[in-house]
Amino acid sequence: MPLSKVKKEQIVNDISDLLKVTKMTVVANYKGTPVKNMQTLRKAAKENGTTVKVVKNRLVMQALGKLDQYKAFDASPLEGMLAYAFNDSDEVAAANSLANFAKTNPTLDFVGAITPEGNWLSAEEVKSLAALPSKPQLIASVVALLGTPIRSVISASNNLPSIIAALEANANKA
């Protein structure tokens, strides 16, 4: 059953709203992926804040046209059976979700990604992004890295009496 004009307008508005806040929109071809697997993808992606939508490409193009930053966007890569993954808090989370799913479902292929500035990233660039750790993982590693010098100073200060004793013994020899 075809979608009514009102329903299509609602979908275009929903996609526009997602595009306004997303850090990265990842596009993947899902041809040959069973519906049950796509439901699994949606559920798994939701765990890291990613929304996966399967929408007619024409409706996505209309949503892109409604926003100033996407007015000059070349929508020619948006062909075929495409799924769109949106994440408003992490630039690589959407790519990570789709890449993790693609490991067990090889029918899902990256097509590319749309940046918030309206630029197109190739499938290879998206695969590179997907290999990066997520934002929370990066923050945790930076915090751990920053804590290393502090632990070294504390460790050295715990050994301070033995260091002073060694220096005094050396001074007494001289």
N, C-alpha and C. Protein backbone atom coordinates (compact mmCIF):
# COMPACT_ATOMS: atom_id res chain seq x y z
N MET A 1 0.84 -1.18 0.00
CA MET A 1 0.00 0.00 0.00
C MET A 1 0.89 1.24 0.00
N PRO A 2 0.67 2.15 -0.94
CA PRO A 2 1.49 3.36 -1.00
C PRO A 2 1.25 4.27 0.21
N LEU A 3 2.28 5.04 0.51
CA LEU A 3 2.18 5.99 1.63
C LEU A 3 1.33 7.18 1.21
N SER A 4 0.55 7.70 2.14
CA SER A 4 -0.24 8.90 1.85
C SER A 4 0.68 10.11 1.85
N LYS A 5 0.21 11.18 1.26
CA LYS A 5 1.00 12.42 1.19
C LYS A 5 1.34 12.93 2.59
N VAL A 6 0.39 12.82 3.50
CA VAL A 6 0.59 13.26 4.88
C VAL A 6 1.69 12.43 5.55
N LYS A 7 1.64 11.11 5.34
CA LYS A 7 2.64 10.21 5.92
C LYS A 7 4.03 10.51 5.35
N LYS A 8 4.09 10.76 4.04
CA LYS A 8 5.37 11.09 3.41
C LYS A 8 5.94 12.38 3.99
N GLU A 9 5.09 13.39 4.18
CA GLU A 9 5.53 14.66 4.77
C GLU A 9 6.05 14.45 6.19
N GLN A 10 5.39 13.58 6.95
CA GLN A 10 5.82 13.27 8.31
C GLN A 10 7.20 12.61 8.29
N ILE A 11 7.41 11.68 7.36
CA ILE A 11 8.72 11.00 7.25
C ILE A 11 9.80 12.01 6.88
N VAL A 12 9.51 12.89 5.93
CA VAL A 12 10.48 13.91 5.52
C VAL A 12 10.83 14.81 6.71
N ASN A 13 9.83 15.19 7.49
CA ASN A 13 10.08 16.03 8.68
C ASN A 13 10.91 15.28 9.72
N ASP A 14 10.60 13.99 9.92
CA ASP A 14 11.37 13.18 10.88
C ASP A 14 12.84 13.08 10.46
N ILE A 15 13.06 12.82 9.18
CA ILE A 15 14.44 12.70 8.68
C ILE A 15 15.14 14.06 8.78
N SER A 16 14.44 15.14 8.47
CA SER A 16 15.03 16.48 8.61
C SER A 16 15.45 16.75 10.05
N ASP A 17 14.58 16.37 10.99
CA ASP A 17 14.91 16.56 12.40
C ASP A 17 16.16 15.76 12.79
N LEU A 18 16.26 14.53 12.30
CA LEU A 18 17.45 13.72 12.58
C LEU A 18 18.69 14.33 11.96
N LEU A 19 18.58 14.82 10.73
CA LEU A 19 19.73 15.42 10.04
C LEU A 19 20.21 16.69 10.75
N LYS A 20 19.31 17.42 11.38
CA LYS A 20 19.68 18.66 12.08
C LYS A 20 20.62 18.39 13.24
N VAL A 21 20.44 17.26 13.93
CA VAL A 21 21.19 17.00 15.16
C VAL A 21 22.26 15.92 15.03
N THR A 22 22.28 15.21 13.92
CA THR A 22 23.21 14.09 13.81
C THR A 22 24.65 14.55 13.62
N LYS A 23 25.57 13.78 14.18
CA LYS A 23 27.00 14.06 14.01
C LYS A 23 27.50 13.45 12.71
N MET A 24 26.84 12.39 12.26
CA MET A 24 27.21 11.72 11.01
C MET A 24 26.05 10.84 10.59
N THR A 25 25.71 10.88 9.32
CA THR A 25 24.68 10.00 8.77
C THR A 25 25.37 8.97 7.89
N VAL A 26 25.36 7.73 8.33
CA VAL A 26 26.02 6.66 7.60
C VAL A 26 24.99 5.97 6.71
N VAL A 27 25.38 5.73 5.46
CA VAL A 27 24.48 5.14 4.48
C VAL A 27 25.02 3.78 4.08
N ALA A 28 24.14 2.76 4.10
CA ALA A 28 24.57 1.40 3.75
C ALA A 28 23.51 0.73 2.89
N ASN A 29 23.98 -0.09 1.97
CA ASN A 29 23.09 -0.89 1.12
C ASN A 29 22.75 -2.15 1.89
N TYR A 30 21.46 -2.43 2.03
CA TYR A 30 21.04 -3.60 2.81
C TYR A 30 20.40 -4.68 1.93
N LYS A 31 20.55 -4.57 0.62
CA LYS A 31 19.92 -5.52 -0.30
C LYS A 31 20.32 -6.95 0.06
N GLY A 32 19.34 -7.80 0.23
CA GLY A 32 19.60 -9.19 0.57
C GLY A 32 19.62 -9.47 2.06
N THR A 33 19.50 -8.43 2.88
CA THR A 33 19.49 -8.61 4.34
C THR A 33 18.05 -8.88 4.78
N PRO A 34 17.81 -9.99 5.45
CA PRO A 34 16.45 -10.31 5.90
C PRO A 34 15.91 -9.27 6.88
N VAL A 35 14.60 -9.12 6.88
CA VAL A 35 13.93 -8.15 7.75
C VAL A 35 14.27 -8.41 9.22
N LYS A 36 14.29 -9.68 9.61
CA LYS A 36 14.59 -10.02 11.00
C LYS A 36 15.99 -9.53 11.39
N ASN A 37 16.94 -9.64 10.48
CA ASN A 37 18.30 -9.15 10.75
C ASN A 37 18.32 -7.63 10.85
N MET A 38 17.53 -6.95 10.03
CA MET A 38 17.46 -5.49 10.10
C MET A 38 16.87 -5.06 11.45
N GLN A 39 15.90 -5.82 11.95
CA GLN A 39 15.35 -5.52 13.27
C GLN A 39 16.41 -5.69 14.35
N THR A 40 17.24 -6.72 14.19
CA THR A 40 18.35 -6.94 15.13
C THR A 40 19.33 -5.78 15.07
N LEU A 41 19.62 -5.30 13.87
CA LEU A 41 20.51 -4.15 13.69
C LEU A 41 19.94 -2.92 14.40
N ARG A 42 18.68 -2.65 14.20
CA ARG A 42 18.06 -1.47 14.84
C ARG A 42 18.18 -1.55 16.36
N LYS A 43 17.92 -2.73 16.90
CA LYS A 43 17.97 -2.92 18.35
C LYS A 43 19.39 -2.75 18.87
N ALA A 44 20.37 -3.35 18.18
CA ALA A 44 21.77 -3.25 18.61
C ALA A 44 22.27 -1.82 18.47
N ALA A 45 21.89 -1.15 17.41
CA ALA A 45 22.34 0.23 17.18
C ALA A 45 21.78 1.18 18.23
N LYS A 46 20.57 0.92 18.65
CA LYS A 46 19.92 1.78 19.64
C LYS A 46 20.70 1.81 20.96
N GLU A 47 21.44 0.72 21.25
CA GLU A 47 22.21 0.65 22.50
C GLU A 47 23.29 1.72 22.59
N ASN A 48 23.83 2.17 21.43
CA ASN A 48 24.84 3.23 21.48
C ASN A 48 24.29 4.56 20.98
N GLY A 49 22.96 4.68 20.96
CA GLY A 49 22.33 5.95 20.60
C GLY A 49 22.15 6.17 19.11
N THR A 50 22.31 5.12 18.32
CA THR A 50 22.17 5.23 16.87
C THR A 50 20.76 4.85 16.45
N THR A 51 20.20 5.64 15.56
CA THR A 51 18.88 5.36 14.99
C THR A 51 19.07 4.90 13.55
N VAL A 52 18.55 3.74 13.23
CA VAL A 52 18.65 3.21 11.86
C VAL A 52 17.27 3.30 11.22
N LYS A 53 17.24 3.92 10.04
CA LYS A 53 15.98 4.09 9.32
C LYS A 53 16.13 3.53 7.91
N VAL A 54 15.10 2.86 7.45
CA VAL A 54 15.00 2.44 6.05
C VAL A 54 13.87 3.28 5.46
N VAL A 55 14.27 4.19 4.57
CA VAL A 55 13.33 5.17 4.01
C VAL A 55 13.59 5.27 2.51
N LYS A 56 12.57 5.61 1.78
CA LYS A 56 12.75 5.82 0.35
C LYS A 56 13.77 6.94 0.14
N ASN A 57 14.69 6.70 -0.77
CA ASN A 57 15.76 7.67 -1.03
C ASN A 57 15.20 9.03 -1.45
N ARG A 58 14.12 9.02 -2.20
CA ARG A 58 13.51 10.27 -2.64
C ARG A 58 13.07 11.11 -1.44
N LEU A 59 12.57 10.47 -0.39
CA LEU A 59 12.13 11.19 0.80
C LEU A 59 13.34 11.75 1.56
N VAL A 60 14.44 10.99 1.57
CA VAL A 60 15.67 11.49 2.20
C VAL A 60 16.19 12.71 1.44
N MET A 61 16.13 12.64 0.11
CA MET A 61 16.58 13.78 -0.71
C MET A 61 15.73 15.01 -0.44
N GLN A 62 14.43 14.83 -0.24
CA GLN A 62 13.56 15.96 0.10
C GLN A 62 13.94 16.53 1.46
N ALA A 63 14.25 15.66 2.41
CA ALA A 63 14.66 16.12 3.75
C ALA A 63 15.98 16.88 3.67
N LEU A 64 16.91 16.38 2.86
CA LEU A 64 18.18 17.08 2.67
C LEU A 64 17.96 18.47 2.07
N GLY A 65 17.03 18.55 1.13
CA GLY A 65 16.74 19.82 0.47
C GLY A 65 16.11 20.86 1.38
N LYS A 66 15.51 20.42 2.47
CA LYS A 66 14.87 21.35 3.41
C LYS A 66 15.88 22.09 4.30
N LEU A 67 17.11 21.57 4.38
CA LEU A 67 18.10 22.14 5.29
C LEU A 67 19.19 22.87 4.50
N ASP A 68 19.54 24.06 4.96
CA ASP A 68 20.50 24.90 4.24
C ASP A 68 21.85 24.24 4.00
N GLN A 69 22.39 23.55 5.02
CA GLN A 69 23.73 22.98 4.88
C GLN A 69 23.78 21.85 3.86
N TYR A 70 22.63 21.31 3.47
CA TYR A 70 22.59 20.21 2.51
C TYR A 70 22.06 20.64 1.14
N LYS A 71 21.78 21.92 0.95
CA LYS A 71 21.21 22.39 -0.33
C LYS A 71 22.11 22.03 -1.51
N ALA A 72 23.42 22.13 -1.36
CA ALA A 72 24.35 21.85 -2.46
C ALA A 72 24.79 20.38 -2.49
N PHE A 73 24.24 19.56 -1.63
CA PHE A 73 24.65 18.16 -1.55
C PHE A 73 24.27 17.41 -2.82
N ASP A 74 25.22 16.65 -3.36
CA ASP A 74 24.98 15.83 -4.54
C ASP A 74 24.44 14.48 -4.07
N ALA A 75 23.16 14.24 -4.30
CA ALA A 75 22.51 13.03 -3.79
C ALA A 75 22.63 11.85 -4.76
N SER A 76 23.48 11.94 -5.75
CA SER A 76 23.58 10.85 -6.74
C SER A 76 24.00 9.51 -6.13
N PRO A 77 24.80 9.48 -5.05
CA PRO A 77 25.14 8.16 -4.47
C PRO A 77 23.96 7.48 -3.77
N LEU A 78 22.88 8.20 -3.55
CA LEU A 78 21.75 7.64 -2.80
C LEU A 78 20.84 6.85 -3.74
N GLU A 79 21.31 5.68 -4.15
CA GLU A 79 20.55 4.81 -5.04
C GLU A 79 20.52 3.40 -4.48
N GLY A 80 19.43 2.71 -4.71
CA GLY A 80 19.32 1.32 -4.27
C GLY A 80 18.60 1.21 -2.95
N MET A 81 18.70 0.04 -2.36
CA MET A 81 18.04 -0.24 -1.08
C MET A 81 18.98 0.21 0.04
N LEU A 82 18.71 1.39 0.57
CA LEU A 82 19.63 2.00 1.54
C LEU A 82 19.02 2.11 2.93
N ALA A 83 19.88 1.90 3.91
CA ALA A 83 19.55 2.15 5.31
C ALA A 83 20.37 3.36 5.75
N TYR A 84 19.78 4.19 6.56
CA TYR A 84 20.43 5.40 7.05
C TYR A 84 20.59 5.30 8.56
N ALA A 85 21.81 5.51 9.04
CA ALA A 85 22.09 5.44 10.48
C ALA A 85 22.47 6.83 10.99
N PHE A 86 21.77 7.29 12.00
CA PHE A 86 21.97 8.63 12.57
C PHE A 86 22.41 8.50 14.03
N ASN A 87 23.35 9.37 14.44
CA ASN A 87 23.72 9.42 15.85
C ASN A 87 24.00 10.87 16.21
N ASP A 88 23.37 11.36 17.26
CA ASP A 88 23.50 12.78 17.62
C ASP A 88 24.55 13.05 18.69
N SER A 89 25.26 12.00 19.15
CA SER A 89 26.23 12.24 20.23
C SER A 89 27.64 11.76 19.90
N ASP A 90 27.81 10.96 18.88
CA ASP A 90 29.12 10.38 18.59
C ASP A 90 29.30 10.26 17.08
N GLU A 91 30.41 10.78 16.58
CA GLU A 91 30.67 10.80 15.15
C GLU A 91 30.87 9.41 14.55
N VAL A 92 31.41 8.48 15.33
CA VAL A 92 31.72 7.16 14.77
C VAL A 92 30.76 6.05 15.22
N ALA A 93 29.85 6.35 16.12
CA ALA A 93 28.96 5.31 16.66
C ALA A 93 28.09 4.66 15.59
N ALA A 94 27.55 5.46 14.67
CA ALA A 94 26.71 4.89 13.62
C ALA A 94 27.52 3.96 12.73
N ALA A 95 28.73 4.38 12.37
CA ALA A 95 29.60 3.54 11.54
C ALA A 95 30.00 2.28 12.30
N ASN A 96 30.29 2.41 13.59
CA ASN A 96 30.63 1.23 14.42
C ASN A 96 29.48 0.23 14.46
N SER A 97 28.26 0.73 14.65
CA SER A 97 27.10 -0.15 14.72
C SER A 97 26.93 -0.94 13.42
N LEU A 98 27.00 -0.25 12.31
CA LEU A 98 26.83 -0.92 11.02
C LEU A 98 27.99 -1.87 10.72
N ALA A 99 29.20 -1.47 11.08
CA ALA A 99 30.36 -2.34 10.84
C ALA A 99 30.29 -3.61 11.68
N ASN A 100 29.88 -3.48 12.92
CA ASN A 100 29.73 -4.67 13.78
C ASN A 100 28.66 -5.61 13.23
N PHE A 101 27.57 -5.03 12.75
CA PHE A 101 26.50 -5.84 12.17
C PHE A 101 26.97 -6.52 10.88
N ALA A 102 27.74 -5.80 10.07
CA ALA A 102 28.21 -6.33 8.78
C ALA A 102 29.17 -7.50 8.96
N LYS A 103 29.80 -7.61 10.13
CA LYS A 103 30.71 -8.74 10.37
C LYS A 103 29.96 -10.07 10.30
N THR A 104 28.73 -10.08 10.77
CA THR A 104 27.93 -11.32 10.75
C THR A 104 26.89 -11.31 9.64
N ASN A 105 26.72 -10.17 8.96
CA ASN A 105 25.75 -10.04 7.87
C ASN A 105 26.43 -9.37 6.68
N PRO A 106 27.15 -10.15 5.89
CA PRO A 106 27.93 -9.56 4.79
C PRO A 106 27.10 -8.93 3.68
N THR A 107 25.78 -9.06 3.75
CA THR A 107 24.94 -8.43 2.74
C THR A 107 24.84 -6.92 2.95
N LEU A 108 25.26 -6.44 4.10
CA LEU A 108 25.22 -5.00 4.38
C LEU A 108 26.55 -4.39 3.93
N ASP A 109 26.49 -3.42 3.03
CA ASP A 109 27.69 -2.76 2.50
C ASP A 109 27.59 -1.26 2.72
N PHE A 110 28.70 -0.65 3.17
CA PHE A 110 28.75 0.80 3.30
C PHE A 110 28.67 1.42 1.90
N VAL A 111 27.89 2.48 1.80
CA VAL A 111 27.83 3.27 0.57
C VAL A 111 28.64 4.55 0.79
N GLY A 112 28.53 5.11 2.01
CA GLY A 112 29.22 6.33 2.35
C GLY A 112 28.59 6.96 3.58
N ALA A 113 28.85 8.25 3.74
CA ALA A 113 28.27 8.97 4.88
C ALA A 113 28.12 10.45 4.52
N ILE A 114 27.18 11.08 5.20
CA ILE A 114 26.93 12.50 5.01
C ILE A 114 27.33 13.21 6.30
N THR A 115 28.23 14.18 6.19
CA THR A 115 28.67 14.93 7.36
C THR A 115 27.65 16.02 7.69
N PRO A 116 27.72 16.59 8.89
CA PRO A 116 26.79 17.67 9.23
C PRO A 116 26.96 18.91 8.35
N GLU A 117 28.12 19.03 7.72
CA GLU A 117 28.38 20.18 6.85
C GLU A 117 27.86 19.94 5.44
N GLY A 118 27.36 18.73 5.17
CA GLY A 118 26.84 18.43 3.85
C GLY A 118 27.85 17.82 2.90
N ASN A 119 28.95 17.31 3.42
CA ASN A 119 29.97 16.67 2.59
C ASN A 119 29.72 15.17 2.53
N TRP A 120 30.18 14.55 1.47
CA TRP A 120 30.02 13.10 1.28
C TRP A 120 31.34 12.41 1.60
N LEU A 121 31.28 11.36 2.41
CA LEU A 121 32.44 10.52 2.68
C LEU A 121 32.26 9.21 1.93
N SER A 122 33.34 8.71 1.37
CA SER A 122 33.27 7.46 0.61
C SER A 122 33.11 6.27 1.55
N ALA A 123 32.82 5.12 0.97
CA ALA A 123 32.67 3.89 1.76
C ALA A 123 33.97 3.55 2.48
N GLU A 124 35.11 3.78 1.82
CA GLU A 124 36.41 3.49 2.43
C GLU A 124 36.66 4.40 3.64
N GLU A 125 36.28 5.66 3.52
CA GLU A 125 36.44 6.59 4.65
C GLU A 125 35.55 6.17 5.82
N VAL A 126 34.35 5.71 5.52
CA VAL A 126 33.44 5.27 6.58
C VAL A 126 34.00 4.02 7.26
N LYS A 127 34.57 3.10 6.48
CA LYS A 127 35.18 1.91 7.07
C LYS A 127 36.33 2.30 7.99
N SER A 128 37.10 3.31 7.60
CA SER A 128 38.18 3.80 8.46
C SER A 128 37.62 4.39 9.75
N LEU A 129 36.54 5.15 9.63
CA LEU A 129 35.90 5.71 10.83
C LEU A 129 35.38 4.60 11.74
N ALA A 130 34.82 3.56 11.15
CA ALA A 130 34.25 2.46 11.93
C ALA A 130 35.33 1.73 12.73
N ALA A 131 36.57 1.80 12.27
CA ALA A 131 37.67 1.14 12.97
C ALA A 131 38.12 1.93 14.20
N LEU A 132 37.72 3.19 14.29
CA LEU A 132 38.10 4.03 15.43
C LEU A 132 37.28 3.65 16.66
N PRO A 133 37.84 3.86 17.84
CA PRO A 133 37.05 3.62 19.05
C PRO A 133 35.97 4.69 19.19
N SER A 134 34.95 4.36 19.94
CA SER A 134 33.85 5.31 20.15
C SER A 134 34.31 6.46 21.03
N LYS A 135 33.51 7.50 21.09
CA LYS A 135 33.84 8.69 21.89
C LYS A 135 34.08 8.34 23.36
N PRO A 136 33.21 7.55 24.01
CA PRO A 136 33.46 7.20 25.41
C PRO A 136 34.77 6.41 25.59
N GLN A 137 35.09 5.54 24.63
CA GLN A 137 36.34 4.79 24.72
C GLN A 137 37.54 5.72 24.59
N LEU A 138 37.46 6.70 23.68
CA LEU A 138 38.55 7.67 23.52
C LEU A 138 38.73 8.50 24.79
N ILE A 139 37.64 8.95 25.37
CA ILE A 139 37.70 9.75 26.59
C ILE A 139 38.34 8.94 27.71
N ALA A 140 37.94 7.68 27.84
CA ALA A 140 38.51 6.82 28.88
C ALA A 140 40.01 6.63 28.69
N SER A 141 40.45 6.46 27.45
CA SER A 141 41.88 6.27 27.22
C SER A 141 42.67 7.55 27.49
N VAL A 142 42.08 8.71 27.18
CA VAL A 142 42.76 9.99 27.47
C VAL A 142 42.85 10.20 28.98
N VAL A 143 41.78 9.90 29.70
CA VAL A 143 41.80 10.04 31.16
C VAL A 143 42.86 9.12 31.76
N ALA A 144 42.94 7.89 31.27
CA ALA A 144 43.96 6.95 31.76
C ALA A 144 45.36 7.46 31.45
N LEU A 145 45.52 8.03 30.26
CA LEU A 145 46.81 8.57 29.85
C LEU A 145 47.21 9.76 30.72
N LEU A 146 46.24 10.60 31.04
CA LEU A 146 46.53 11.76 31.90
C LEU A 146 46.85 11.34 33.33
N GLY A 147 46.30 10.23 33.76
CA GLY A 147 46.55 9.76 35.11
C GLY A 147 47.90 9.10 35.30
N THR A 148 48.54 8.70 34.23
CA THR A 148 49.83 8.00 34.32
C THR A 148 50.91 8.85 35.01
N PRO A 149 51.14 10.11 34.63
CA PRO A 149 52.16 10.91 35.33
C PRO A 149 51.86 11.09 36.81
N ILE A 150 50.60 11.22 37.13
CA ILE A 150 50.22 11.40 38.54
C ILE A 150 50.58 10.14 39.33
N ARG A 151 50.28 8.97 38.76
CA ARG A 151 50.64 7.72 39.44
C ARG A 151 52.16 7.60 39.59
N SER A 152 52.90 8.06 38.59
CA SER A 152 54.36 8.00 38.67
C SER A 152 54.89 8.89 39.79
N VAL A 153 54.33 10.08 39.93
CA VAL A 153 54.75 11.00 41.00
C VAL A 153 54.41 10.40 42.36
N ILE A 154 53.23 9.84 42.48
CA ILE A 154 52.83 9.23 43.75
C ILE A 154 53.74 8.06 44.08
N SER A 155 54.03 7.25 43.09
CA SER A 155 54.91 6.10 43.29
C SER A 155 56.30 6.56 43.72
N ALA A 156 56.80 7.61 43.07
CA ALA A 156 58.12 8.14 43.43
C ALA A 156 58.12 8.74 44.83
N SER A 157 57.02 9.42 45.20
CA SER A 157 56.97 10.02 46.53
C SER A 157 56.88 8.94 47.61
N ASN A 158 56.31 7.78 47.30
CA ASN A 158 56.27 6.68 48.25
C ASN A 158 57.67 6.11 48.49
N ASN A 159 58.53 6.22 47.49
CA ASN A 159 59.90 5.73 47.59
C ASN A 159 60.88 6.83 48.02
N LEU A 160 60.38 7.99 48.34
CA LEU A 160 61.22 9.13 48.68
C LEU A 160 62.18 8.84 49.84
N PRO A 161 61.77 8.21 50.94
CA PRO A 161 62.72 7.96 52.03
C PRO A 161 63.92 7.10 51.57
N SER A 162 63.67 6.10 50.75
CA SER A 162 64.78 5.26 50.29
C SER A 162 65.68 6.03 49.33
N ILE A 163 65.11 6.93 48.54
CA ILE A 163 65.91 7.75 47.62
C ILE A 163 66.80 8.69 48.43
N ILE A 164 66.23 9.32 49.48
CA ILE A 164 67.00 10.24 50.33
C ILE A 164 68.13 9.48 51.03
N ALA A 165 67.83 8.30 51.52
CA ALA A 165 68.85 7.49 52.19
C ALA A 165 69.98 7.14 51.24
N ALA A 166 69.66 6.81 50.01
CA ALA A 166 70.69 6.48 49.01
C ALA A 166 71.52 7.70 48.69
N LEU A 167 70.90 8.87 48.57
CA LEU A 167 71.64 10.10 48.29
C LEU A 167 72.55 10.47 49.46
N GLU A 168 72.06 10.31 50.71
CA GLU A 168 72.87 10.60 51.89
C GLU A 168 74.06 9.64 51.97
N ALA A 169 73.84 8.37 51.63
CA ALA A 169 74.93 7.39 51.66
C ALA A 169 75.97 7.75 50.63
N ASN A 170 75.54 8.22 49.50
CA ASN A 170 76.46 8.64 48.44
C ASN A 170 77.25 9.88 48.87
N ALA A 171 76.55 10.82 49.54
CA ALA A 171 77.18 12.05 50.00
C ALA A 171 78.20 11.75 51.09
N ASN A 172 77.93 10.79 51.96
CA ASN A 172 78.84 10.44 53.04
C ASN A 172 80.10 9.76 52.52
N LYS A 173 80.02 9.08 51.40
CA LYS A 173 81.19 8.44 50.80
C LYS A 173 82.17 9.46 50.27
N ALA A 174 81.62 10.57 49.81
CA ALA A 174 82.47 11.58 49.19
C ALA A 174 83.21 12.42 50.14
